[in-house]
Amino acid sequence: MKKRIKMSIITLVICIIGGIVMFSLNHQKEKTLEEKMRIEQDRMALYLVNHYEGVRMVEFESFSKDNITGTWSGDALVNDKYYVRFTLWNLGGEISMSQLTSRNSGEVLEKRKQIDSKSDLDIDVRYSKLK
């Protein structure tokens, strides 16, 4: 009988330790994804600064993955006035952007005549969470 109780306690301890390890690993993975999202949102903001005139502020409203196509998309508000949608072909991949002119009352951001090559952000960026 004592042997059975001892084995039950050992099994219970192993299960608890396993649960703690799994929770810890899952939490670490989520944090890593959050860090990757922030890097991608910085890349999207830098894309705006290098391709469009007068960008002072970007507020990301959403950022999500389309599991069917494998693309990531993010909606943002630029200078509290212009709504844009980014598409990323995988994290770290090519970025494309479209302006949501119907939400912008027909107004659009002005494209730069020559694409800039800035590598640092000197604008206000407000980040979104994964949805």
N, C-alpha and C. Protein backbone atom coordinates (compact mmCIF):
# COMPACT_ATOMS: atom_id res chain seq x y z
N MET A 1 0.81 -1.19 0.00
CA MET A 1 0.00 0.00 0.00
C MET A 1 0.86 1.27 0.00
N LYS A 2 1.94 1.26 0.83
CA LYS A 2 2.82 2.42 0.90
C LYS A 2 3.51 2.65 -0.45
N LYS A 3 3.83 1.56 -1.13
CA LYS A 3 4.49 1.68 -2.43
C LYS A 3 3.55 2.35 -3.44
N ARG A 4 2.28 2.02 -3.37
CA ARG A 4 1.28 2.58 -4.29
C ARG A 4 1.12 4.09 -4.04
N ILE A 5 1.07 4.51 -2.78
CA ILE A 5 0.95 5.93 -2.44
C ILE A 5 2.19 6.69 -2.90
N LYS A 6 3.35 6.09 -2.68
CA LYS A 6 4.61 6.70 -3.08
C LYS A 6 4.65 6.91 -4.60
N MET A 7 4.22 5.92 -5.37
CA MET A 7 4.20 6.02 -6.84
C MET A 7 3.19 7.08 -7.29
N SER A 8 2.06 7.17 -6.60
CA SER A 8 1.04 8.17 -6.94
C SER A 8 1.58 9.58 -6.72
N ILE A 9 2.28 9.78 -5.61
CA ILE A 9 2.86 11.10 -5.31
C ILE A 9 3.93 11.45 -6.35
N ILE A 10 4.78 10.51 -6.70
CA ILE A 10 5.82 10.74 -7.71
C ILE A 10 5.18 11.10 -9.05
N THR A 11 4.14 10.37 -9.44
CA THR A 11 3.44 10.65 -10.70
C THR A 11 2.82 12.05 -10.67
N LEU A 12 2.22 12.42 -9.56
CA LEU A 12 1.60 13.74 -9.42
C LEU A 12 2.66 14.84 -9.54
N VAL A 13 3.79 14.67 -8.89
CA VAL A 13 4.87 15.65 -8.95
C VAL A 13 5.39 15.79 -10.38
N ILE A 14 5.55 14.68 -11.08
CA ILE A 14 6.02 14.72 -12.47
C ILE A 14 5.01 15.47 -13.35
N CYS A 15 3.72 15.22 -13.15
CA CYS A 15 2.68 15.91 -13.93
C CYS A 15 2.70 17.41 -13.67
N ILE A 16 2.87 17.80 -12.41
CA ILE A 16 2.91 19.22 -12.06
C ILE A 16 4.13 19.88 -12.69
N ILE A 17 5.28 19.26 -12.59
CA ILE A 17 6.49 19.81 -13.20
C ILE A 17 6.33 19.91 -14.71
N GLY A 18 5.76 18.88 -15.33
CA GLY A 18 5.52 18.91 -16.78
C GLY A 18 4.60 20.06 -17.18
N GLY A 19 3.56 20.29 -16.39
CA GLY A 19 2.64 21.40 -16.66
C GLY A 19 3.33 22.75 -16.57
N ILE A 20 4.17 22.91 -15.57
CA ILE A 20 4.91 24.16 -15.40
C ILE A 20 5.85 24.38 -16.58
N VAL A 21 6.55 23.35 -17.00
CA VAL A 21 7.46 23.46 -18.15
C VAL A 21 6.70 23.82 -19.42
N MET A 22 5.57 23.17 -19.67
CA MET A 22 4.78 23.46 -20.88
C MET A 22 4.26 24.89 -20.86
N PHE A 23 3.76 25.35 -19.71
CA PHE A 23 3.28 26.72 -19.59
C PHE A 23 4.41 27.70 -19.86
N SER A 24 5.57 27.44 -19.30
CA SER A 24 6.73 28.31 -19.48
C SER A 24 7.14 28.39 -20.94
N LEU A 25 7.21 27.26 -21.63
CA LEU A 25 7.61 27.25 -23.04
C LEU A 25 6.59 27.97 -23.90
N ASN A 26 5.30 27.79 -23.64
CA ASN A 26 4.26 28.44 -24.42
C ASN A 26 4.29 29.96 -24.20
N HIS A 27 4.51 30.39 -22.98
CA HIS A 27 4.57 31.81 -22.67
C HIS A 27 5.76 32.44 -23.39
N GLN A 28 6.88 31.75 -23.43
CA GLN A 28 8.08 32.25 -24.10
C GLN A 28 7.83 32.38 -25.60
N LYS A 29 7.11 31.45 -26.21
CA LYS A 29 6.80 31.49 -27.63
C LYS A 29 5.94 32.70 -27.96
N GLU A 30 4.94 32.99 -27.13
CA GLU A 30 4.07 34.15 -27.34
C GLU A 30 4.88 35.43 -27.28
N LYS A 31 5.79 35.53 -26.35
CA LYS A 31 6.60 36.72 -26.21
C LYS A 31 7.47 36.90 -27.45
N THR A 32 8.00 35.83 -27.97
CA THR A 32 8.81 35.91 -29.17
C THR A 32 7.99 36.41 -30.35
N LEU A 33 6.74 35.94 -30.49
CA LEU A 33 5.87 36.40 -31.56
C LEU A 33 5.57 37.89 -31.40
N GLU A 34 5.35 38.35 -30.17
CA GLU A 34 5.12 39.77 -29.91
C GLU A 34 6.34 40.59 -30.36
N GLU A 35 7.53 40.10 -30.07
CA GLU A 35 8.74 40.81 -30.48
C GLU A 35 8.85 40.87 -31.99
N LYS A 36 8.54 39.77 -32.67
CA LYS A 36 8.57 39.74 -34.13
C LYS A 36 7.56 40.72 -34.72
N MET A 37 6.37 40.79 -34.11
CA MET A 37 5.34 41.72 -34.58
C MET A 37 5.82 43.16 -34.47
N ARG A 38 6.47 43.47 -33.38
CA ARG A 38 6.96 44.85 -33.21
C ARG A 38 8.02 45.17 -34.27
N ILE A 39 8.89 44.22 -34.55
CA ILE A 39 9.90 44.42 -35.60
C ILE A 39 9.23 44.66 -36.94
N GLU A 40 8.20 43.86 -37.25
CA GLU A 40 7.49 44.02 -38.52
C GLU A 40 6.75 45.35 -38.59
N GLN A 41 6.17 45.78 -37.49
CA GLN A 41 5.48 47.07 -37.49
C GLN A 41 6.49 48.21 -37.67
N ASP A 42 7.68 48.06 -37.11
CA ASP A 42 8.75 49.05 -37.36
C ASP A 42 9.12 49.06 -38.84
N ARG A 43 9.20 47.89 -39.45
CA ARG A 43 9.52 47.82 -40.89
C ARG A 43 8.44 48.50 -41.73
N MET A 44 7.17 48.29 -41.36
CA MET A 44 6.07 48.91 -42.10
C MET A 44 6.11 50.44 -41.95
N ALA A 45 6.39 50.91 -40.74
CA ALA A 45 6.50 52.36 -40.51
C ALA A 45 7.66 52.94 -41.31
N LEU A 46 8.78 52.23 -41.34
CA LEU A 46 9.94 52.68 -42.11
C LEU A 46 9.62 52.70 -43.60
N TYR A 47 8.86 51.72 -44.07
CA TYR A 47 8.41 51.70 -45.46
C TYR A 47 7.63 52.98 -45.77
N LEU A 48 6.73 53.36 -44.89
CA LEU A 48 5.95 54.59 -45.08
C LEU A 48 6.86 55.81 -45.16
N VAL A 49 7.78 55.93 -44.21
CA VAL A 49 8.68 57.08 -44.15
C VAL A 49 9.52 57.18 -45.43
N ASN A 50 9.97 56.05 -45.94
CA ASN A 50 10.83 56.05 -47.12
C ASN A 50 10.08 56.23 -48.43
N HIS A 51 8.79 55.92 -48.47
CA HIS A 51 8.03 55.98 -49.72
C HIS A 51 7.03 57.14 -49.81
N TYR A 52 6.70 57.77 -48.68
CA TYR A 52 5.66 58.81 -48.68
C TYR A 52 6.13 60.06 -47.94
N GLU A 53 5.65 61.20 -48.38
CA GLU A 53 6.01 62.50 -47.81
C GLU A 53 5.21 62.78 -46.53
N GLY A 54 5.84 63.50 -45.61
CA GLY A 54 5.14 64.06 -44.46
C GLY A 54 4.62 63.09 -43.42
N VAL A 55 5.19 61.92 -43.31
CA VAL A 55 4.73 60.95 -42.30
C VAL A 55 5.32 61.35 -40.95
N ARG A 56 4.44 61.65 -39.99
CA ARG A 56 4.87 62.06 -38.65
C ARG A 56 4.47 61.04 -37.58
N MET A 57 3.37 60.31 -37.83
CA MET A 57 2.86 59.39 -36.82
C MET A 57 2.16 58.22 -37.50
N VAL A 58 2.38 57.03 -36.96
CA VAL A 58 1.69 55.83 -37.45
C VAL A 58 1.11 55.11 -36.24
N GLU A 59 -0.18 54.82 -36.31
CA GLU A 59 -0.83 54.06 -35.25
C GLU A 59 -1.37 52.77 -35.86
N PHE A 60 -0.78 51.64 -35.49
CA PHE A 60 -1.23 50.35 -36.01
C PHE A 60 -2.49 49.93 -35.26
N GLU A 61 -3.53 49.62 -36.02
CA GLU A 61 -4.81 49.25 -35.41
C GLU A 61 -5.00 47.75 -35.35
N SER A 62 -4.38 47.03 -36.27
CA SER A 62 -4.50 45.57 -36.26
C SER A 62 -3.28 44.96 -36.93
N PHE A 63 -3.04 43.69 -36.62
CA PHE A 63 -1.95 42.95 -37.25
C PHE A 63 -2.33 41.48 -37.12
N SER A 64 -2.50 40.79 -38.24
CA SER A 64 -2.96 39.40 -38.18
C SER A 64 -2.41 38.59 -39.35
N LYS A 65 -2.49 37.28 -39.20
CA LYS A 65 -2.01 36.36 -40.22
C LYS A 65 -3.19 35.69 -40.91
N ASP A 66 -3.11 35.60 -42.23
CA ASP A 66 -4.09 34.85 -43.02
C ASP A 66 -3.50 33.46 -43.20
N ASN A 67 -4.05 32.47 -42.52
CA ASN A 67 -3.49 31.12 -42.56
C ASN A 67 -3.64 30.46 -43.92
N ILE A 68 -4.58 30.90 -44.73
CA ILE A 68 -4.77 30.31 -46.05
C ILE A 68 -3.66 30.74 -47.01
N THR A 69 -3.37 32.05 -47.04
CA THR A 69 -2.34 32.56 -47.97
C THR A 69 -0.96 32.62 -47.35
N GLY A 70 -0.90 32.64 -46.02
CA GLY A 70 0.38 32.75 -45.34
C GLY A 70 0.88 34.18 -45.23
N THR A 71 0.06 35.14 -45.65
CA THR A 71 0.46 36.54 -45.57
C THR A 71 0.04 37.14 -44.24
N TRP A 72 0.71 38.21 -43.87
CA TRP A 72 0.37 38.98 -42.69
C TRP A 72 -0.18 40.31 -43.18
N SER A 73 -1.17 40.86 -42.49
CA SER A 73 -1.68 42.17 -42.87
C SER A 73 -1.86 43.03 -41.63
N GLY A 74 -1.70 44.32 -41.84
CA GLY A 74 -1.85 45.27 -40.75
C GLY A 74 -2.52 46.53 -41.25
N ASP A 75 -3.46 47.02 -40.47
CA ASP A 75 -4.12 48.28 -40.78
C ASP A 75 -3.52 49.35 -39.88
N ALA A 76 -3.35 50.55 -40.45
CA ALA A 76 -2.75 51.64 -39.68
C ALA A 76 -3.40 52.96 -40.04
N LEU A 77 -3.30 53.89 -39.11
CA LEU A 77 -3.75 55.25 -39.31
C LEU A 77 -2.50 56.13 -39.31
N VAL A 78 -2.32 56.88 -40.39
CA VAL A 78 -1.13 57.71 -40.56
C VAL A 78 -1.51 59.17 -40.32
N ASN A 79 -0.75 59.85 -39.47
CA ASN A 79 -0.97 61.27 -39.16
C ASN A 79 -2.41 61.56 -38.71
N ASP A 80 -3.04 60.61 -38.06
CA ASP A 80 -4.43 60.74 -37.60
C ASP A 80 -5.40 61.07 -38.73
N LYS A 81 -5.04 60.73 -39.97
CA LYS A 81 -5.85 61.16 -41.12
C LYS A 81 -6.01 60.10 -42.20
N TYR A 82 -4.95 59.37 -42.51
CA TYR A 82 -4.95 58.45 -43.65
C TYR A 82 -4.96 56.99 -43.17
N TYR A 83 -5.91 56.23 -43.66
CA TYR A 83 -5.97 54.80 -43.35
C TYR A 83 -5.24 54.02 -44.44
N VAL A 84 -4.37 53.11 -44.02
CA VAL A 84 -3.61 52.30 -44.97
C VAL A 84 -3.65 50.84 -44.53
N ARG A 85 -3.41 49.95 -45.48
CA ARG A 85 -3.34 48.52 -45.19
C ARG A 85 -2.04 47.98 -45.77
N PHE A 86 -1.29 47.29 -44.92
CA PHE A 86 -0.04 46.66 -45.32
C PHE A 86 -0.26 45.18 -45.54
N THR A 87 0.48 44.62 -46.49
CA THR A 87 0.52 43.17 -46.68
C THR A 87 1.98 42.76 -46.65
N LEU A 88 2.30 41.76 -45.83
CA LEU A 88 3.66 41.23 -45.75
C LEU A 88 3.63 39.80 -46.24
N TRP A 89 4.55 39.48 -47.12
CA TRP A 89 4.68 38.13 -47.63
C TRP A 89 5.65 37.40 -46.72
N ASN A 90 5.12 36.89 -45.60
CA ASN A 90 5.86 36.24 -44.51
C ASN A 90 6.54 37.29 -43.65
N LEU A 91 6.83 36.94 -42.42
CA LEU A 91 7.54 37.85 -41.53
C LEU A 91 8.94 38.07 -42.08
N GLY A 92 9.32 39.32 -42.21
CA GLY A 92 10.62 39.65 -42.77
C GLY A 92 10.63 39.72 -44.28
N GLY A 93 9.49 39.44 -44.91
CA GLY A 93 9.40 39.41 -46.37
C GLY A 93 9.02 40.76 -46.97
N GLU A 94 8.69 40.71 -48.25
CA GLU A 94 8.34 41.90 -49.01
C GLU A 94 7.09 42.57 -48.43
N ILE A 95 7.10 43.91 -48.46
CA ILE A 95 5.97 44.70 -47.95
C ILE A 95 5.29 45.40 -49.11
N SER A 96 3.95 45.35 -49.12
CA SER A 96 3.19 46.19 -50.05
C SER A 96 2.17 46.95 -49.22
N MET A 97 1.72 48.09 -49.75
CA MET A 97 0.79 48.92 -49.01
C MET A 97 -0.28 49.48 -49.93
N SER A 98 -1.50 49.54 -49.45
CA SER A 98 -2.57 50.18 -50.21
C SER A 98 -3.24 51.20 -49.30
N GLN A 99 -3.71 52.28 -49.92
CA GLN A 99 -4.40 53.32 -49.18
C GLN A 99 -5.89 53.08 -49.27
N LEU A 100 -6.56 53.19 -48.16
CA LEU A 100 -8.00 52.95 -48.12
C LEU A 100 -8.72 54.27 -48.39
N THR A 101 -8.76 54.64 -49.68
CA THR A 101 -9.27 55.96 -50.06
C THR A 101 -10.72 56.18 -49.67
N SER A 102 -11.52 55.13 -49.63
CA SER A 102 -12.92 55.30 -49.24
C SER A 102 -13.03 55.76 -47.78
N ARG A 103 -12.13 55.29 -46.94
CA ARG A 103 -12.12 55.71 -45.53
C ARG A 103 -11.40 57.05 -45.37
N ASN A 104 -10.61 57.45 -46.36
CA ASN A 104 -9.85 58.69 -46.30
C ASN A 104 -10.57 59.85 -46.95
N SER A 105 -11.83 59.68 -47.30
CA SER A 105 -12.62 60.71 -48.00
C SER A 105 -11.94 61.14 -49.30
N GLY A 106 -11.29 60.20 -49.95
CA GLY A 106 -10.65 60.46 -51.24
C GLY A 106 -9.26 61.03 -51.14
N GLU A 107 -8.80 61.39 -49.95
CA GLU A 107 -7.46 61.95 -49.79
C GLU A 107 -6.44 60.82 -49.72
N VAL A 108 -5.24 61.08 -50.24
CA VAL A 108 -4.19 60.07 -50.23
C VAL A 108 -2.86 60.67 -49.78
N LEU A 109 -1.99 59.82 -49.29
CA LEU A 109 -0.63 60.24 -48.95
C LEU A 109 0.12 60.55 -50.24
N GLU A 110 1.00 61.54 -50.17
CA GLU A 110 1.78 61.91 -51.36
C GLU A 110 3.04 61.04 -51.44
N LYS A 111 3.20 60.36 -52.58
CA LYS A 111 4.39 59.52 -52.78
C LYS A 111 5.62 60.39 -52.97
N ARG A 112 6.74 59.89 -52.50
CA ARG A 112 8.01 60.59 -52.74
C ARG A 112 8.39 60.43 -54.21
N LYS A 113 8.98 61.46 -54.75
CA LYS A 113 9.45 61.37 -56.14
C LYS A 113 10.59 60.37 -56.25
N GLN A 114 11.41 60.34 -55.21
CA GLN A 114 12.51 59.38 -55.15
C GLN A 114 12.45 58.68 -53.80
N ILE A 115 12.49 57.36 -53.82
CA ILE A 115 12.41 56.57 -52.59
C ILE A 115 13.61 56.88 -51.71
N ASP A 116 13.34 57.17 -50.45
CA ASP A 116 14.38 57.47 -49.48
C ASP A 116 14.96 56.16 -48.95
N SER A 117 16.09 56.23 -48.28
CA SER A 117 16.69 55.01 -47.73
C SER A 117 17.03 55.17 -46.25
N LYS A 118 16.14 55.84 -45.51
CA LYS A 118 16.36 55.99 -44.08
C LYS A 118 16.32 54.62 -43.41
N SER A 119 17.11 54.48 -42.36
CA SER A 119 17.11 53.21 -41.65
C SER A 119 16.67 53.36 -40.19
N ASP A 120 16.42 54.61 -39.77
CA ASP A 120 15.94 54.80 -38.40
C ASP A 120 14.62 55.56 -38.41
N LEU A 121 13.80 55.26 -37.42
CA LEU A 121 12.48 55.88 -37.32
C LEU A 121 12.56 57.12 -36.43
N ASP A 122 12.21 58.26 -36.98
CA ASP A 122 12.16 59.48 -36.18
C ASP A 122 10.73 60.01 -36.13
N ILE A 123 9.77 59.07 -36.06
CA ILE A 123 8.36 59.42 -35.99
C ILE A 123 7.74 58.71 -34.78
N ASP A 124 6.52 59.10 -34.44
CA ASP A 124 5.78 58.47 -33.35
C ASP A 124 5.11 57.21 -33.89
N VAL A 125 5.41 56.06 -33.30
CA VAL A 125 4.80 54.79 -33.72
C VAL A 125 4.05 54.20 -32.54
N ARG A 126 2.78 53.88 -32.77
CA ARG A 126 1.95 53.22 -31.75
C ARG A 126 1.64 51.82 -32.25
N TYR A 127 2.00 50.83 -31.46
CA TYR A 127 1.94 49.44 -31.88
C TYR A 127 0.62 48.78 -31.52
N SER A 128 0.24 47.78 -32.32
CA SER A 128 -0.96 46.99 -32.02
C SER A 128 -0.55 45.62 -31.51
N LYS A 129 -1.51 44.90 -30.97
CA LYS A 129 -1.30 43.53 -30.51
C LYS A 129 -1.80 42.57 -31.58
N LEU A 130 -1.39 41.32 -31.50
CA LEU A 130 -1.83 40.29 -32.43
C LEU A 130 -3.31 40.01 -32.23
N LYS A 131 -4.04 39.89 -33.35
CA LYS A 131 -5.48 39.58 -33.28
C LYS A 131 -5.75 38.30 -34.01
